[in-house]
Amino acid sequence: MTQELQRLLGQIEAIKAEGRAITAGLSDAQFNWHPGPGRWSIAHCLQHLNVAVSKTLPAFDRAIAVGRSNFRRQQP
């Protein structure tokens, strides 16, 4: 794994830790509270982020695999 990939994975882990820290100690009512009609709760925001990441990371993994395969084929 390259240093760049390690750095990016480190950022993802830091973001996850920050999300846990921000929500630590919130009651279920606070976590699910809606600030107004049609507005998202903290839970909805985090769920949206998780879904978005779960949809995009597999595409990143495929692109990395293709890039590695292409690189290997170019090596003598």
PDB file of N, CA and C in Angstrom:
ATOM      1  N   MET A   1       0.856  -1.180   0.000  1.00  0.00           N
ATOM      2  CA  MET A   1       0.000   0.000   0.000  1.00  0.00           C
ATOM      3  C   MET A   1       0.898   1.238   0.000  1.00  0.00           C
ATOM      4  N   THR A   2       0.536   2.185  -0.814  1.00  0.00           N
ATOM      5  CA  THR A   2       1.339   3.398  -0.911  1.00  0.00           C
ATOM      6  C   THR A   2       1.107   4.301   0.302  1.00  0.00           C
ATOM      7  N   GLN A   3       2.014   5.234   0.490  1.00  0.00           N
ATOM      8  CA  GLN A   3       1.859   6.187   1.591  1.00  0.00           C
ATOM      9  C   GLN A   3       0.604   7.029   1.410  1.00  0.00           C
ATOM     10  N   GLU A   4       0.276   7.360   0.178  1.00  0.00           N
ATOM     11  CA  GLU A   4      -0.924   8.163  -0.086  1.00  0.00           C
ATOM     12  C   GLU A   4      -2.177   7.400   0.337  1.00  0.00           C
ATOM     13  N   LEU A   5      -2.258   6.113  -0.022  1.00  0.00           N
ATOM     14  CA  LEU A   5      -3.412   5.317   0.382  1.00  0.00           C
ATOM     15  C   LEU A   5      -3.476   5.177   1.903  1.00  0.00           C
ATOM     16  N   GLN A   6      -2.339   4.981   2.526  1.00  0.00           N
ATOM     17  CA  GLN A   6      -2.306   4.904   3.985  1.00  0.00           C
ATOM     18  C   GLN A   6      -2.789   6.198   4.609  1.00  0.00           C
ATOM     19  N   ARG A   7      -2.395   7.317   4.041  1.00  0.00           N
ATOM     20  CA  ARG A   7      -2.824   8.622   4.547  1.00  0.00           C
ATOM     21  C   ARG A   7      -4.338   8.776   4.416  1.00  0.00           C
ATOM     22  N   LEU A   8      -4.880   8.381   3.271  1.00  0.00           N
ATOM     23  CA  LEU A   8      -6.319   8.499   3.040  1.00  0.00           C
ATOM     24  C   LEU A   8      -7.110   7.582   3.980  1.00  0.00           C
ATOM     25  N   LEU A   9      -6.632   6.365   4.158  1.00  0.00           N
ATOM     26  CA  LEU A   9      -7.300   5.467   5.100  1.00  0.00           C
ATOM     27  C   LEU A   9      -7.224   6.006   6.522  1.00  0.00           C
ATOM     28  N   GLY A  10      -6.109   6.636   6.853  1.00  0.00           N
ATOM     29  CA  GLY A  10      -5.980   7.273   8.158  1.00  0.00           C
ATOM     30  C   GLY A  10      -6.991   8.392   8.342  1.00  0.00           C
ATOM     31  N   GLN A  11      -7.235   9.144   7.278  1.00  0.00           N
ATOM     32  CA  GLN A  11      -8.231  10.218   7.344  1.00  0.00           C
ATOM     33  C   GLN A  11      -9.630   9.648   7.569  1.00  0.00           C
ATOM     34  N   ILE A  12      -9.942   8.549   6.893  1.00  0.00           N
ATOM     35  CA  ILE A  12     -11.254   7.925   7.067  1.00  0.00           C
ATOM     36  C   ILE A  12     -11.423   7.469   8.516  1.00  0.00           C
ATOM     37  N   GLU A  13     -10.396   6.838   9.064  1.00  0.00           N
ATOM     38  CA  GLU A  13     -10.471   6.387  10.451  1.00  0.00           C
ATOM     39  C   GLU A  13     -10.613   7.567  11.410  1.00  0.00           C
ATOM     40  N   ALA A  14      -9.916   8.669  11.138  1.00  0.00           N
ATOM     41  CA  ALA A  14     -10.019   9.861  11.990  1.00  0.00           C
ATOM     42  C   ALA A  14     -11.428  10.450  11.932  1.00  0.00           C
ATOM     43  N   ILE A  15     -12.028  10.451  10.762  1.00  0.00           N
ATOM     44  CA  ILE A  15     -13.394  10.977  10.609  1.00  0.00           C
ATOM     45  C   ILE A  15     -14.374  10.104  11.379  1.00  0.00           C
ATOM     46  N   LYS A  16     -14.205   8.794  11.284  1.00  0.00           N
ATOM     47  CA  LYS A  16     -15.079   7.890  12.031  1.00  0.00           C
ATOM     48  C   LYS A  16     -14.933   8.116  13.531  1.00  0.00           C
ATOM     49  N   ALA A  17     -13.708   8.269  14.003  1.00  0.00           N
ATOM     50  CA  ALA A  17     -13.476   8.515  15.432  1.00  0.00           C
ATOM     51  C   ALA A  17     -14.098   9.833  15.853  1.00  0.00           C
ATOM     52  N   GLU A  18     -13.994  10.838  15.005  1.00  0.00           N
ATOM     53  CA  GLU A  18     -14.583  12.146  15.322  1.00  0.00           C
ATOM     54  C   GLU A  18     -16.103  12.045  15.407  1.00  0.00           C
ATOM     55  N   GLY A  19     -16.700  11.281  14.500  1.00  0.00           N
ATOM     56  CA  GLY A  19     -18.143  11.081  14.548  1.00  0.00           C
ATOM     57  C   GLY A  19     -18.582  10.405  15.835  1.00  0.00           C
ATOM     58  N   ARG A  20     -17.819   9.404  16.265  1.00  0.00           N
ATOM     59  CA  ARG A  20     -18.137   8.738  17.533  1.00  0.00           C
ATOM     60  C   ARG A  20     -17.986   9.710  18.700  1.00  0.00           C
ATOM     61  N   ALA A  21     -16.944  10.525  18.677  1.00  0.00           N
ATOM     62  CA  ALA A  21     -16.706  11.470  19.768  1.00  0.00           C
ATOM     63  C   ALA A  21     -17.808  12.528  19.838  1.00  0.00           C
ATOM     64  N   ILE A  22     -18.243  13.003  18.694  1.00  0.00           N
ATOM     65  CA  ILE A  22     -19.272  14.040  18.639  1.00  0.00           C
ATOM     66  C   ILE A  22     -20.600  13.524  19.186  1.00  0.00           C
ATOM     67  N   THR A  23     -20.900  12.259  18.913  1.00  0.00           N
ATOM     68  CA  THR A  23     -22.196  11.721  19.316  1.00  0.00           C
ATOM     69  C   THR A  23     -22.165  11.013  20.660  1.00  0.00           C
ATOM     70  N   ALA A  24     -20.983  10.839  21.231  1.00  0.00           N
ATOM     71  CA  ALA A  24     -20.881  10.165  22.532  1.00  0.00           C
ATOM     72  C   ALA A  24     -21.667  10.950  23.575  1.00  0.00           C
ATOM     73  N   GLY A  25     -22.439  10.252  24.338  1.00  0.00           N
ATOM     74  CA  GLY A  25     -23.181  10.894  25.411  1.00  0.00           C
ATOM     75  C   GLY A  25     -24.538  11.439  25.006  1.00  0.00           C
ATOM     76  N   LEU A  26     -24.863  11.410  23.717  1.00  0.00           N
ATOM     77  CA  LEU A  26     -26.183  11.867  23.303  1.00  0.00           C
ATOM     78  C   LEU A  26     -27.221  10.807  23.635  1.00  0.00           C
ATOM     79  N   SER A  27     -28.357  11.252  24.082  1.00  0.00           N
ATOM     80  CA  SER A  27     -29.468  10.318  24.295  1.00  0.00           C
ATOM     81  C   SER A  27     -30.058   9.960  22.929  1.00  0.00           C
ATOM     82  N   ASP A  28     -30.875   8.916  22.899  1.00  0.00           N
ATOM     83  CA  ASP A  28     -31.552   8.566  21.643  1.00  0.00           C
ATOM     84  C   ASP A  28     -32.402   9.732  21.148  1.00  0.00           C
ATOM     85  N   ALA A  29     -33.045  10.413  22.082  1.00  0.00           N
ATOM     86  CA  ALA A  29     -33.890  11.558  21.700  1.00  0.00           C
ATOM     87  C   ALA A  29     -33.052  12.663  21.061  1.00  0.00           C
ATOM     88  N   GLN A  30     -31.888  12.946  21.621  1.00  0.00           N
ATOM     89  CA  GLN A  30     -31.014  13.973  21.045  1.00  0.00           C
ATOM     90  C   GLN A  30     -30.468  13.538  19.687  1.00  0.00           C
ATOM     91  N   PHE A  31     -30.069  12.287  19.597  1.00  0.00           N
ATOM     92  CA  PHE A  31     -29.489  11.750  18.366  1.00  0.00           C
ATOM     93  C   PHE A  31     -30.508  11.768  17.225  1.00  0.00           C
ATOM     94  N   ASN A  32     -31.778  11.571  17.549  1.00  0.00           N
ATOM     95  CA  ASN A  32     -32.829  11.490  16.534  1.00  0.00           C
ATOM     96  C   ASN A  32     -33.674  12.756  16.421  1.00  0.00           C
ATOM     97  N   TRP A  33     -33.318  13.807  17.142  1.00  0.00           N
ATOM     98  CA  TRP A  33     -34.069  15.056  17.125  1.00  0.00           C
ATOM     99  C   TRP A  33     -33.964  15.736  15.760  1.00  0.00           C
ATOM    100  N   HIS A  34     -35.098  16.221  15.265  1.00  0.00           N
ATOM    101  CA  HIS A  34     -35.163  16.967  13.995  1.00  0.00           C
ATOM    102  C   HIS A  34     -35.295  18.449  14.313  1.00  0.00           C
ATOM    103  N   PRO A  35     -34.404  19.287  13.776  1.00  0.00           N
ATOM    104  CA  PRO A  35     -34.462  20.716  14.087  1.00  0.00           C
ATOM    105  C   PRO A  35     -35.650  21.439  13.461  1.00  0.00           C
ATOM    106  N   GLY A  36     -36.374  20.771  12.595  1.00  0.00           N
ATOM    107  CA  GLY A  36     -37.542  21.386  11.988  1.00  0.00           C
ATOM    108  C   GLY A  36     -38.127  20.460  10.945  1.00  0.00           C
ATOM    109  N   PRO A  37     -39.311  20.786  10.453  1.00  0.00           N
ATOM    110  CA  PRO A  37     -39.943  19.961   9.425  1.00  0.00           C
ATOM    111  C   PRO A  37     -39.033  19.841   8.193  1.00  0.00           C
ATOM    112  N   GLY A  38     -38.869  18.619   7.739  1.00  0.00           N
ATOM    113  CA  GLY A  38     -38.046  18.397   6.557  1.00  0.00           C
ATOM    114  C   GLY A  38     -36.552  18.493   6.804  1.00  0.00           C
ATOM    115  N   ARG A  39     -36.145  18.690   8.046  1.00  0.00           N
ATOM    116  CA  ARG A  39     -34.722  18.791   8.395  1.00  0.00           C
ATOM    117  C   ARG A  39     -34.233  17.451   8.925  1.00  0.00           C
ATOM    118  N   TRP A  40     -32.965  17.181   8.742  1.00  0.00           N
ATOM    119  CA  TRP A  40     -32.408  15.897   9.140  1.00  0.00           C
ATOM    120  C   TRP A  40     -31.899  15.916  10.572  1.00  0.00           C
ATOM    121  N   SER A  41     -32.067  14.783  11.214  1.00  0.00           N
ATOM    122  CA  SER A  41     -31.487  14.588  12.542  1.00  0.00           C
ATOM    123  C   SER A  41     -30.012  14.223  12.382  1.00  0.00           C
ATOM    124  N   ILE A  42     -29.300  14.200  13.501  1.00  0.00           N
ATOM    125  CA  ILE A  42     -27.907  13.756  13.475  1.00  0.00           C
ATOM    126  C   ILE A  42     -27.852  12.329  12.938  1.00  0.00           C
ATOM    127  N   ALA A  43     -28.790  11.495  13.394  1.00  0.00           N
ATOM    128  CA  ALA A  43     -28.824  10.101  12.945  1.00  0.00           C
ATOM    129  C   ALA A  43     -28.995  10.016  11.435  1.00  0.00           C
ATOM    130  N   HIS A  44     -29.898  10.817  10.877  1.00  0.00           N
ATOM    131  CA  HIS A  44     -30.098  10.800   9.421  1.00  0.00           C
ATOM    132  C   HIS A  44     -28.853  11.267   8.676  1.00  0.00           C
ATOM    133  N   CYS A  45     -28.202  12.288   9.178  1.00  0.00           N
ATOM    134  CA  CYS A  45     -26.977  12.783   8.530  1.00  0.00           C
ATOM    135  C   CYS A  45     -25.897  11.705   8.505  1.00  0.00           C
ATOM    136  N   LEU A  46     -25.684  11.048   9.643  1.00  0.00           N
ATOM    137  CA  LEU A  46     -24.659  10.009   9.706  1.00  0.00           C
ATOM    138  C   LEU A  46     -25.036   8.804   8.851  1.00  0.00           C
ATOM    139  N   GLN A  47     -26.317   8.464   8.835  1.00  0.00           N
ATOM    140  CA  GLN A  47     -26.763   7.362   7.985  1.00  0.00           C
ATOM    141  C   GLN A  47     -26.510   7.692   6.519  1.00  0.00           C
ATOM    142  N   HIS A  48     -26.807   8.910   6.119  1.00  0.00           N
ATOM    143  CA  HIS A  48     -26.570   9.342   4.740  1.00  0.00           C
ATOM    144  C   HIS A  48     -25.085   9.231   4.390  1.00  0.00           C
ATOM    145  N   LEU A  49     -24.224   9.690   5.274  1.00  0.00           N
ATOM    146  CA  LEU A  49     -22.782   9.605   5.030  1.00  0.00           C
ATOM    147  C   LEU A  49     -22.323   8.154   4.910  1.00  0.00           C
ATOM    148  N   ASN A  50     -22.832   7.289   5.780  1.00  0.00           N
ATOM    149  CA  ASN A  50     -22.463   5.879   5.722  1.00  0.00           C
ATOM    150  C   ASN A  50     -22.913   5.230   4.424  1.00  0.00           C
ATOM    151  N   VAL A  51     -24.109   5.536   3.988  1.00  0.00           N
ATOM    152  CA  VAL A  51     -24.605   4.977   2.724  1.00  0.00           C
ATOM    153  C   VAL A  51     -23.755   5.485   1.563  1.00  0.00           C
ATOM    154  N   ALA A  52     -23.463   6.771   1.566  1.00  0.00           N
ATOM    155  CA  ALA A  52     -22.659   7.337   0.470  1.00  0.00           C
ATOM    156  C   ALA A  52     -21.284   6.692   0.411  1.00  0.00           C
ATOM    157  N   VAL A  53     -20.660   6.508   1.557  1.00  0.00           N
ATOM    158  CA  VAL A  53     -19.333   5.889   1.592  1.00  0.00           C
ATOM    159  C   VAL A  53     -19.415   4.431   1.163  1.00  0.00           C
ATOM    160  N   SER A  54     -20.437   3.719   1.626  1.00  0.00           N
ATOM    161  CA  SER A  54     -20.553   2.304   1.273  1.00  0.00           C
ATOM    162  C   SER A  54     -20.807   2.122  -0.218  1.00  0.00           C
ATOM    163  N   LYS A  55     -21.377   3.120  -0.860  1.00  0.00           N
ATOM    164  CA  LYS A  55     -21.604   3.053  -2.307  1.00  0.00           C
ATOM    165  C   LYS A  55     -20.359   3.442  -3.100  1.00  0.00           C
ATOM    166  N   THR A  56     -19.543   4.354  -2.575  1.00  0.00           N
ATOM    167  CA  THR A  56     -18.391   4.840  -3.339  1.00  0.00           C
ATOM    168  C   THR A  56     -17.114   4.044  -3.096  1.00  0.00           C
ATOM    169  N   LEU A  57     -16.905   3.514  -1.895  1.00  0.00           N
ATOM    170  CA  LEU A  57     -15.661   2.796  -1.622  1.00  0.00           C
ATOM    171  C   LEU A  57     -15.459   1.580  -2.525  1.00  0.00           C
ATOM    172  N   PRO A  58     -16.494   0.791  -2.818  1.00  0.00           N
ATOM    173  CA  PRO A  58     -16.267  -0.319  -3.751  1.00  0.00           C
ATOM    174  C   PRO A  58     -15.783   0.150  -5.127  1.00  0.00           C
ATOM    175  N   ALA A  59     -16.261   1.287  -5.577  1.00  0.00           N
ATOM    176  CA  ALA A  59     -15.785   1.823  -6.857  1.00  0.00           C
ATOM    177  C   ALA A  59     -14.318   2.213  -6.761  1.00  0.00           C
ATOM    178  N   PHE A  60     -13.921   2.778  -5.641  1.00  0.00           N
ATOM    179  CA  PHE A  60     -12.508   3.103  -5.424  1.00  0.00           C
ATOM    180  C   PHE A  60     -11.668   1.835  -5.425  1.00  0.00           C
ATOM    181  N   ASP A  61     -12.155   0.807  -4.727  1.00  0.00           N
ATOM    182  CA  ASP A  61     -11.431  -0.464  -4.678  1.00  0.00           C
ATOM    183  C   ASP A  61     -11.246  -1.052  -6.075  1.00  0.00           C
ATOM    184  N   ARG A  62     -12.295  -1.004  -6.884  1.00  0.00           N
ATOM    185  CA  ARG A  62     -12.183  -1.522  -8.261  1.00  0.00           C
ATOM    186  C   ARG A  62     -11.184  -0.706  -9.069  1.00  0.00           C
ATOM    187  N   ALA A  63     -11.221   0.603  -8.932  1.00  0.00           N
ATOM    188  CA  ALA A  63     -10.291   1.467  -9.677  1.00  0.00           C
ATOM    189  C   ALA A  63      -8.848   1.202  -9.253  1.00  0.00           C
ATOM    190  N   ILE A  64      -8.635   1.006  -7.972  1.00  0.00           N
ATOM    191  CA  ILE A  64      -7.285   0.701  -7.481  1.00  0.00           C
ATOM    192  C   ILE A  64      -6.817  -0.639  -8.042  1.00  0.00           C
ATOM    193  N   ALA A  65      -7.698  -1.640  -8.044  1.00  0.00           N
ATOM    194  CA  ALA A  65      -7.338  -2.961  -8.572  1.00  0.00           C
ATOM    195  C   ALA A  65      -6.981  -2.873 -10.054  1.00  0.00           C
ATOM    196  N   VAL A  66      -7.743  -2.122 -10.822  1.00  0.00           N
ATOM    197  CA  VAL A  66      -7.447  -1.947 -12.253  1.00  0.00           C
ATOM    198  C   VAL A  66      -6.107  -1.246 -12.423  1.00  0.00           C
ATOM    199  N   GLY A  67      -5.880  -0.207 -11.643  1.00  0.00           N
ATOM    200  CA  GLY A  67      -4.610   0.517 -11.727  1.00  0.00           C
ATOM    201  C   GLY A  67      -3.428  -0.377 -11.393  1.00  0.00           C
ATOM    202  N   ARG A  68      -3.568  -1.193 -10.379  1.00  0.00           N
ATOM    203  CA  ARG A  68      -2.483  -2.117 -10.013  1.00  0.00           C
ATOM    204  C   ARG A  68      -2.253  -3.140 -11.121  1.00  0.00           C
ATOM    205  N   SER A  69      -3.330  -3.648 -11.669  1.00  0.00           N
ATOM    206  CA  SER A  69      -3.208  -4.634 -12.746  1.00  0.00           C
ATOM    207  C   SER A  69      -2.512  -4.028 -13.959  1.00  0.00           C
ATOM    208  N   ASN A  70      -2.901  -2.828 -14.319  1.00  0.00           N
ATOM    209  CA  ASN A  70      -2.271  -2.147 -15.456  1.00  0.00           C
ATOM    210  C   ASN A  70      -0.798  -1.882 -15.185  1.00  0.00           C
ATOM    211  N   PHE A  71      -0.478  -1.510 -13.962  1.00  0.00           N
ATOM    212  CA  PHE A  71       0.913  -1.242 -13.594  1.00  0.00           C
ATOM    213  C   PHE A  71       1.746  -2.513 -13.709  1.00  0.00           C
ATOM    214  N   ARG A  72       1.213  -3.628 -13.209  1.00  0.00           N
ATOM    215  CA  ARG A  72       1.945  -4.896 -13.254  1.00  0.00           C
ATOM    216  C   ARG A  72       2.208  -5.335 -14.692  1.00  0.00           C
ATOM    217  N   ARG A  73       1.235  -5.119 -15.567  1.00  0.00           N
ATOM    218  CA  ARG A  73       1.410  -5.510 -16.967  1.00  0.00           C
ATOM    219  C   ARG A  73       2.471  -4.674 -17.663  1.00  0.00           C
ATOM    220  N   GLN A  74       2.694  -3.453 -17.187  1.00  0.00           N
ATOM    221  CA  GLN A  74       3.696  -2.572 -17.808  1.00  0.00           C
ATOM    222  C   GLN A  74       5.105  -2.835 -17.306  1.00  0.00           C
ATOM    223  N   GLN A  75       5.226  -3.599 -16.237  1.00  0.00           N
ATOM    224  CA  GLN A  75       6.549  -3.869 -15.663  1.00  0.00           C
ATOM    225  C   GLN A  75       7.258  -4.940 -16.482  1.00  0.00           C
ATOM    226  N   PRO A  76       8.588  -4.773 -16.659  1.00  0.00           N
ATOM    227  CA  PRO A  76       9.343  -5.770 -17.426  1.00  0.00           C
ATOM    228  C   PRO A  76       9.450  -7.099 -16.704  1.00  0.00           C
TER     229      PRO A  76
END
